[in-house]
Protein backbone atom coordinates (compact mmCIF):
# COMPACT_ATOMS: atom_id res chain seq x y z
CA MET A 1 0.17 -0.12 -0.28
CA LEU A 2 1.26 3.30 -0.60
CA GLY A 3 1.48 5.95 1.77
CA ALA A 4 -0.10 9.79 1.68
CA GLY A 5 3.65 11.10 1.27
CA LYS A 6 4.57 8.62 -1.58
CA ILE A 7 1.14 9.35 -3.45
CA PHE A 8 1.43 12.97 -3.25
CA LEU A 9 4.81 13.37 -4.62
CA SER A 10 4.33 10.63 -7.47
CA VAL A 11 1.41 12.66 -8.39
CA LYS A 12 3.18 16.19 -8.66
CA MET A 13 6.04 14.96 -10.01
CA MET A 14 4.20 13.08 -13.04
CA GLU A 15 1.98 16.61 -13.25
CA ILE A 16 5.46 18.72 -13.81
CA GLY A 17 6.69 15.90 -16.04
CA GLY A 18 4.01 15.77 -18.39
CA MET A 19 3.65 19.76 -18.29
CA LEU A 20 7.53 19.85 -19.13
CA LYS A 21 6.92 17.37 -22.20
CA ARG A 22 4.87 20.37 -23.74
CA GLY A 23 8.04 22.17 -24.58
CA ASN A 24 11.06 21.88 -26.83
CA LYS A 25 13.10 18.52 -27.13
CA LYS A 26 14.96 19.66 -24.20
CA SER A 27 11.90 20.18 -22.01
CA GLN A 28 10.64 17.16 -23.27
CA GLU A 29 13.58 14.92 -22.41
CA ILE A 30 13.42 16.61 -19.20
CA GLY A 31 9.69 15.70 -18.48
CA GLU A 32 10.40 12.23 -19.47
CA SER A 33 13.26 12.10 -16.91
CA ILE A 34 11.25 13.16 -13.99
CA GLU A 35 8.12 10.51 -15.19
CA ASN A 36 10.77 7.70 -15.42
CA VAL A 37 12.12 8.65 -11.93
CA VAL A 38 8.76 8.58 -10.45
CA ARG A 39 8.11 5.25 -12.42
CA LEU A 40 11.54 3.80 -10.32
CA TYR A 41 10.62 5.64 -7.17
CA SER A 42 6.81 4.27 -6.88
CA ASN A 43 7.40 0.79 -8.37
CA ASP A 44 10.51 -0.57 -7.27
CA GLU A 45 12.45 0.47 -4.61
CA VAL A 46 15.92 -1.42 -5.48
CA LYS A 47 16.00 -0.37 -9.04
CA PHE A 48 15.32 2.90 -7.84
CA GLN A 49 18.22 2.52 -5.29
CA ASN A 50 20.80 1.33 -8.15
CA PHE A 51 19.66 4.45 -10.33
CA ILE A 52 20.42 6.94 -7.69
CA ASN A 53 23.70 5.18 -6.54
CA ASP A 54 24.76 5.98 -10.20
CA ILE A 55 23.29 9.78 -9.70
CA GLU A 56 25.14 10.46 -6.40
CA SER A 57 28.26 10.61 -7.16
CA GLU A 58 27.72 12.58 -10.20
CA TYR A 59 25.69 14.64 -8.03
CA ASN A 60 28.42 15.78 -6.37
CA ARG A 61 30.65 17.12 -9.13
CA ALA A 62 27.44 18.79 -10.54
CA SER A 63 26.30 20.36 -7.27
CA LYS A 64 29.76 22.25 -6.59
CA ARG A 65 29.77 22.94 -10.47
CA TYR A 66 26.02 24.75 -10.44
CA ASN A 67 26.70 26.23 -6.65
CA GLU A 68 30.13 28.01 -7.77
CA GLU A 69 28.71 29.31 -11.19
CA PHE A 70 25.03 30.04 -10.36
CA TYR A 71 24.35 30.48 -6.44
CA GLN A 72 27.53 31.84 -5.22
CA LYS A 73 27.72 34.55 -8.05
CA ALA A 74 24.05 35.32 -7.27
CA GLY A 75 24.81 36.28 -3.86
CA GLY A 76 24.05 33.08 -2.13
CA LYS A 77 26.59 31.55 0.68
CA LEU A 78 27.16 28.08 0.70
CA GLY A 79 25.64 25.96 3.56
CA SER A 80 22.86 28.84 4.45
CA GLY A 81 20.31 26.93 3.32
CA GLU A 82 18.93 29.91 1.76
CA LEU A 83 17.62 30.33 -1.86
CA LYS A 84 18.22 33.16 -4.26
CA ALA A 85 15.39 34.22 -6.52
CA LEU A 86 16.48 36.74 -9.43
CA HIS A 87 14.76 37.64 -12.69
CA THR A 88 16.29 36.15 -15.53
CA GLU A 89 17.63 39.13 -16.98
CA ASP A 90 19.37 40.24 -13.68
CA ALA A 91 20.44 36.59 -13.15
CA SER A 92 22.31 36.64 -16.58
CA ASN A 93 23.72 40.14 -15.67
CA ARG A 94 25.34 38.68 -12.57
CA LEU A 95 26.17 35.39 -13.68
CA GLY A 96 27.44 36.40 -17.30
CA ILE A 97 25.66 33.28 -18.28
CA ASP A 98 22.63 33.69 -21.08
CA LEU A 99 20.12 31.89 -18.73
CA GLU A 100 17.25 33.01 -21.27
CA LYS A 101 18.95 30.47 -23.50
CA MET A 102 19.21 27.74 -21.61
CA VAL A 103 15.70 27.85 -20.84
CA ASN A 104 14.44 29.05 -23.84
CA GLY A 105 11.74 26.42 -25.15
CA LEU A 106 11.03 24.90 -21.84
CA ASP A 107 7.13 24.60 -20.98
CA PRO A 108 7.08 27.85 -18.79
CA GLU A 109 4.37 25.86 -16.27
CA GLY A 110 6.19 22.76 -15.84
CA PHE A 111 9.65 24.85 -15.18
CA MET A 112 8.32 27.01 -12.82
CA GLN A 113 6.51 24.48 -10.85
CA PHE A 114 9.62 22.08 -11.22
CA GLN A 115 11.49 25.24 -9.59
CA ALA A 116 8.78 25.25 -7.16
CA PHE A 117 8.93 21.54 -6.35
CA VAL A 118 12.92 21.31 -5.78
CA PRO A 119 12.88 23.61 -2.55
CA PHE A 120 9.80 21.85 -1.36
CA ILE A 121 11.04 18.48 -1.53
CA THR A 122 14.53 19.42 -0.27
CA ASP A 123 12.50 20.93 2.78
CA ALA A 124 10.47 17.91 3.22
CA SER A 125 13.46 15.25 2.94
CA TYR A 126 15.06 17.28 6.13
CA GLY A 127 11.05 17.27 7.78
CA LYS A 128 10.57 20.70 7.70
CA ILE A 129 7.24 19.56 5.87
CA PRO A 130 5.52 16.73 7.10
CA LEU A 131 4.97 14.22 4.79
CA THR A 132 5.02 11.25 6.21
CA SER A 133 2.07 9.02 6.87
CA PRO A 134 2.22 5.43 8.64
CA GLU A 135 1.33 3.76 5.41
CA ASP A 136 4.79 5.35 3.85
CA GLY A 137 7.05 2.95 5.99
CA PRO A 138 10.25 3.44 7.71
CA SER A 139 12.20 3.89 4.61
CA PHE A 140 10.21 6.59 2.99
CA PRO A 141 12.60 9.71 4.76
CA PHE A 142 15.70 8.27 3.41
CA MET A 143 13.85 7.43 -0.21
CA MET A 144 12.70 11.19 -0.05
CA GLY A 145 16.45 12.43 0.53
CA HIS A 146 17.59 10.60 -2.68
CA LEU A 147 14.60 12.14 -4.63
CA ARG A 148 16.01 15.30 -3.59
CA VAL A 149 19.45 14.55 -4.95
CA ILE A 150 17.74 13.12 -8.08
CA CYS A 151 15.48 16.41 -8.57
CA TRP A 152 18.45 18.85 -8.29
CA TYR A 153 20.34 16.76 -10.50
CA ILE A 154 17.73 17.17 -13.13
CA LEU A 155 17.50 20.95 -12.33
CA PHE A 156 21.42 20.85 -13.01
CA SER A 157 20.64 19.38 -16.31
CA VAL A 158 18.46 22.21 -17.67
CA TYR A 159 21.57 24.33 -17.24
CA TYR A 160 24.46 21.51 -18.02
CA GLU A 161 24.23 19.77 -21.33
CA ASP A 162 26.46 16.69 -19.76
CA CYS A 163 24.21 16.49 -16.59
CA ARG A 164 21.47 16.03 -19.35
CA GLU A 165 23.21 13.64 -21.11
CA TYR A 166 24.39 11.36 -18.44
CA LEU A 167 20.81 11.56 -16.75
CA LYS A 168 19.59 10.45 -20.26
CA SER A 169 21.90 7.28 -20.28
CA LYS A 170 21.10 6.54 -16.52
CA ILE A 171 17.43 6.68 -17.31
CA ASN A 172 17.91 4.39 -20.20
CA LYS A 173 20.12 1.86 -18.23
CA HIS A 174 17.53 1.83 -15.14
CA LYS A 175 14.17 2.45 -16.72
CA TRP A 176 11.06 0.99 -15.29
CA VAL A 177 9.04 -1.63 -17.63
CA ASP A 178 5.58 -2.65 -15.97
CA PRO A 179 6.15 -6.28 -16.08
CA SER A 180 2.43 -6.94 -17.27
CA LEU A 181 3.70 -5.52 -20.56
CA ASN A 182 6.10 -8.20 -21.03
């Protein structure tokens, strides 16, 4: 039986994935990645764990890069836990990067919702937002922490082509296939 927390996260992520699939090819790839992560997360914790094992080492490299190239240049302090919200034009000027080009073609509603979901899942994984129900089981907080890492990595893939390619290769390797379709 799925608990309320796991159902909520799965439904919300599938909704965001579907919205992103309305955009250009990059947006569609990101939306498809989110949907595949949900399928793994909802249906097979072992495959999900294998997927996260592949992502975590790459996540550390990408996170360091993102923090240096985006977060700190935007005025953020590492370890503070605060988020920085800047308008695209202001961020592009501060960072010296054409953010408009990076997000051009992404479904705007899906991307905005995903950007809001990432800090939400971060707070939830640290217990700041209660999502756990008894039906979620004892592994839910642990799995939610892994889901947070994946969501951040998917966000990095918006800005870094190498992250998007790595993500696609790992999604293909660990893609969940409904056993009833075999």
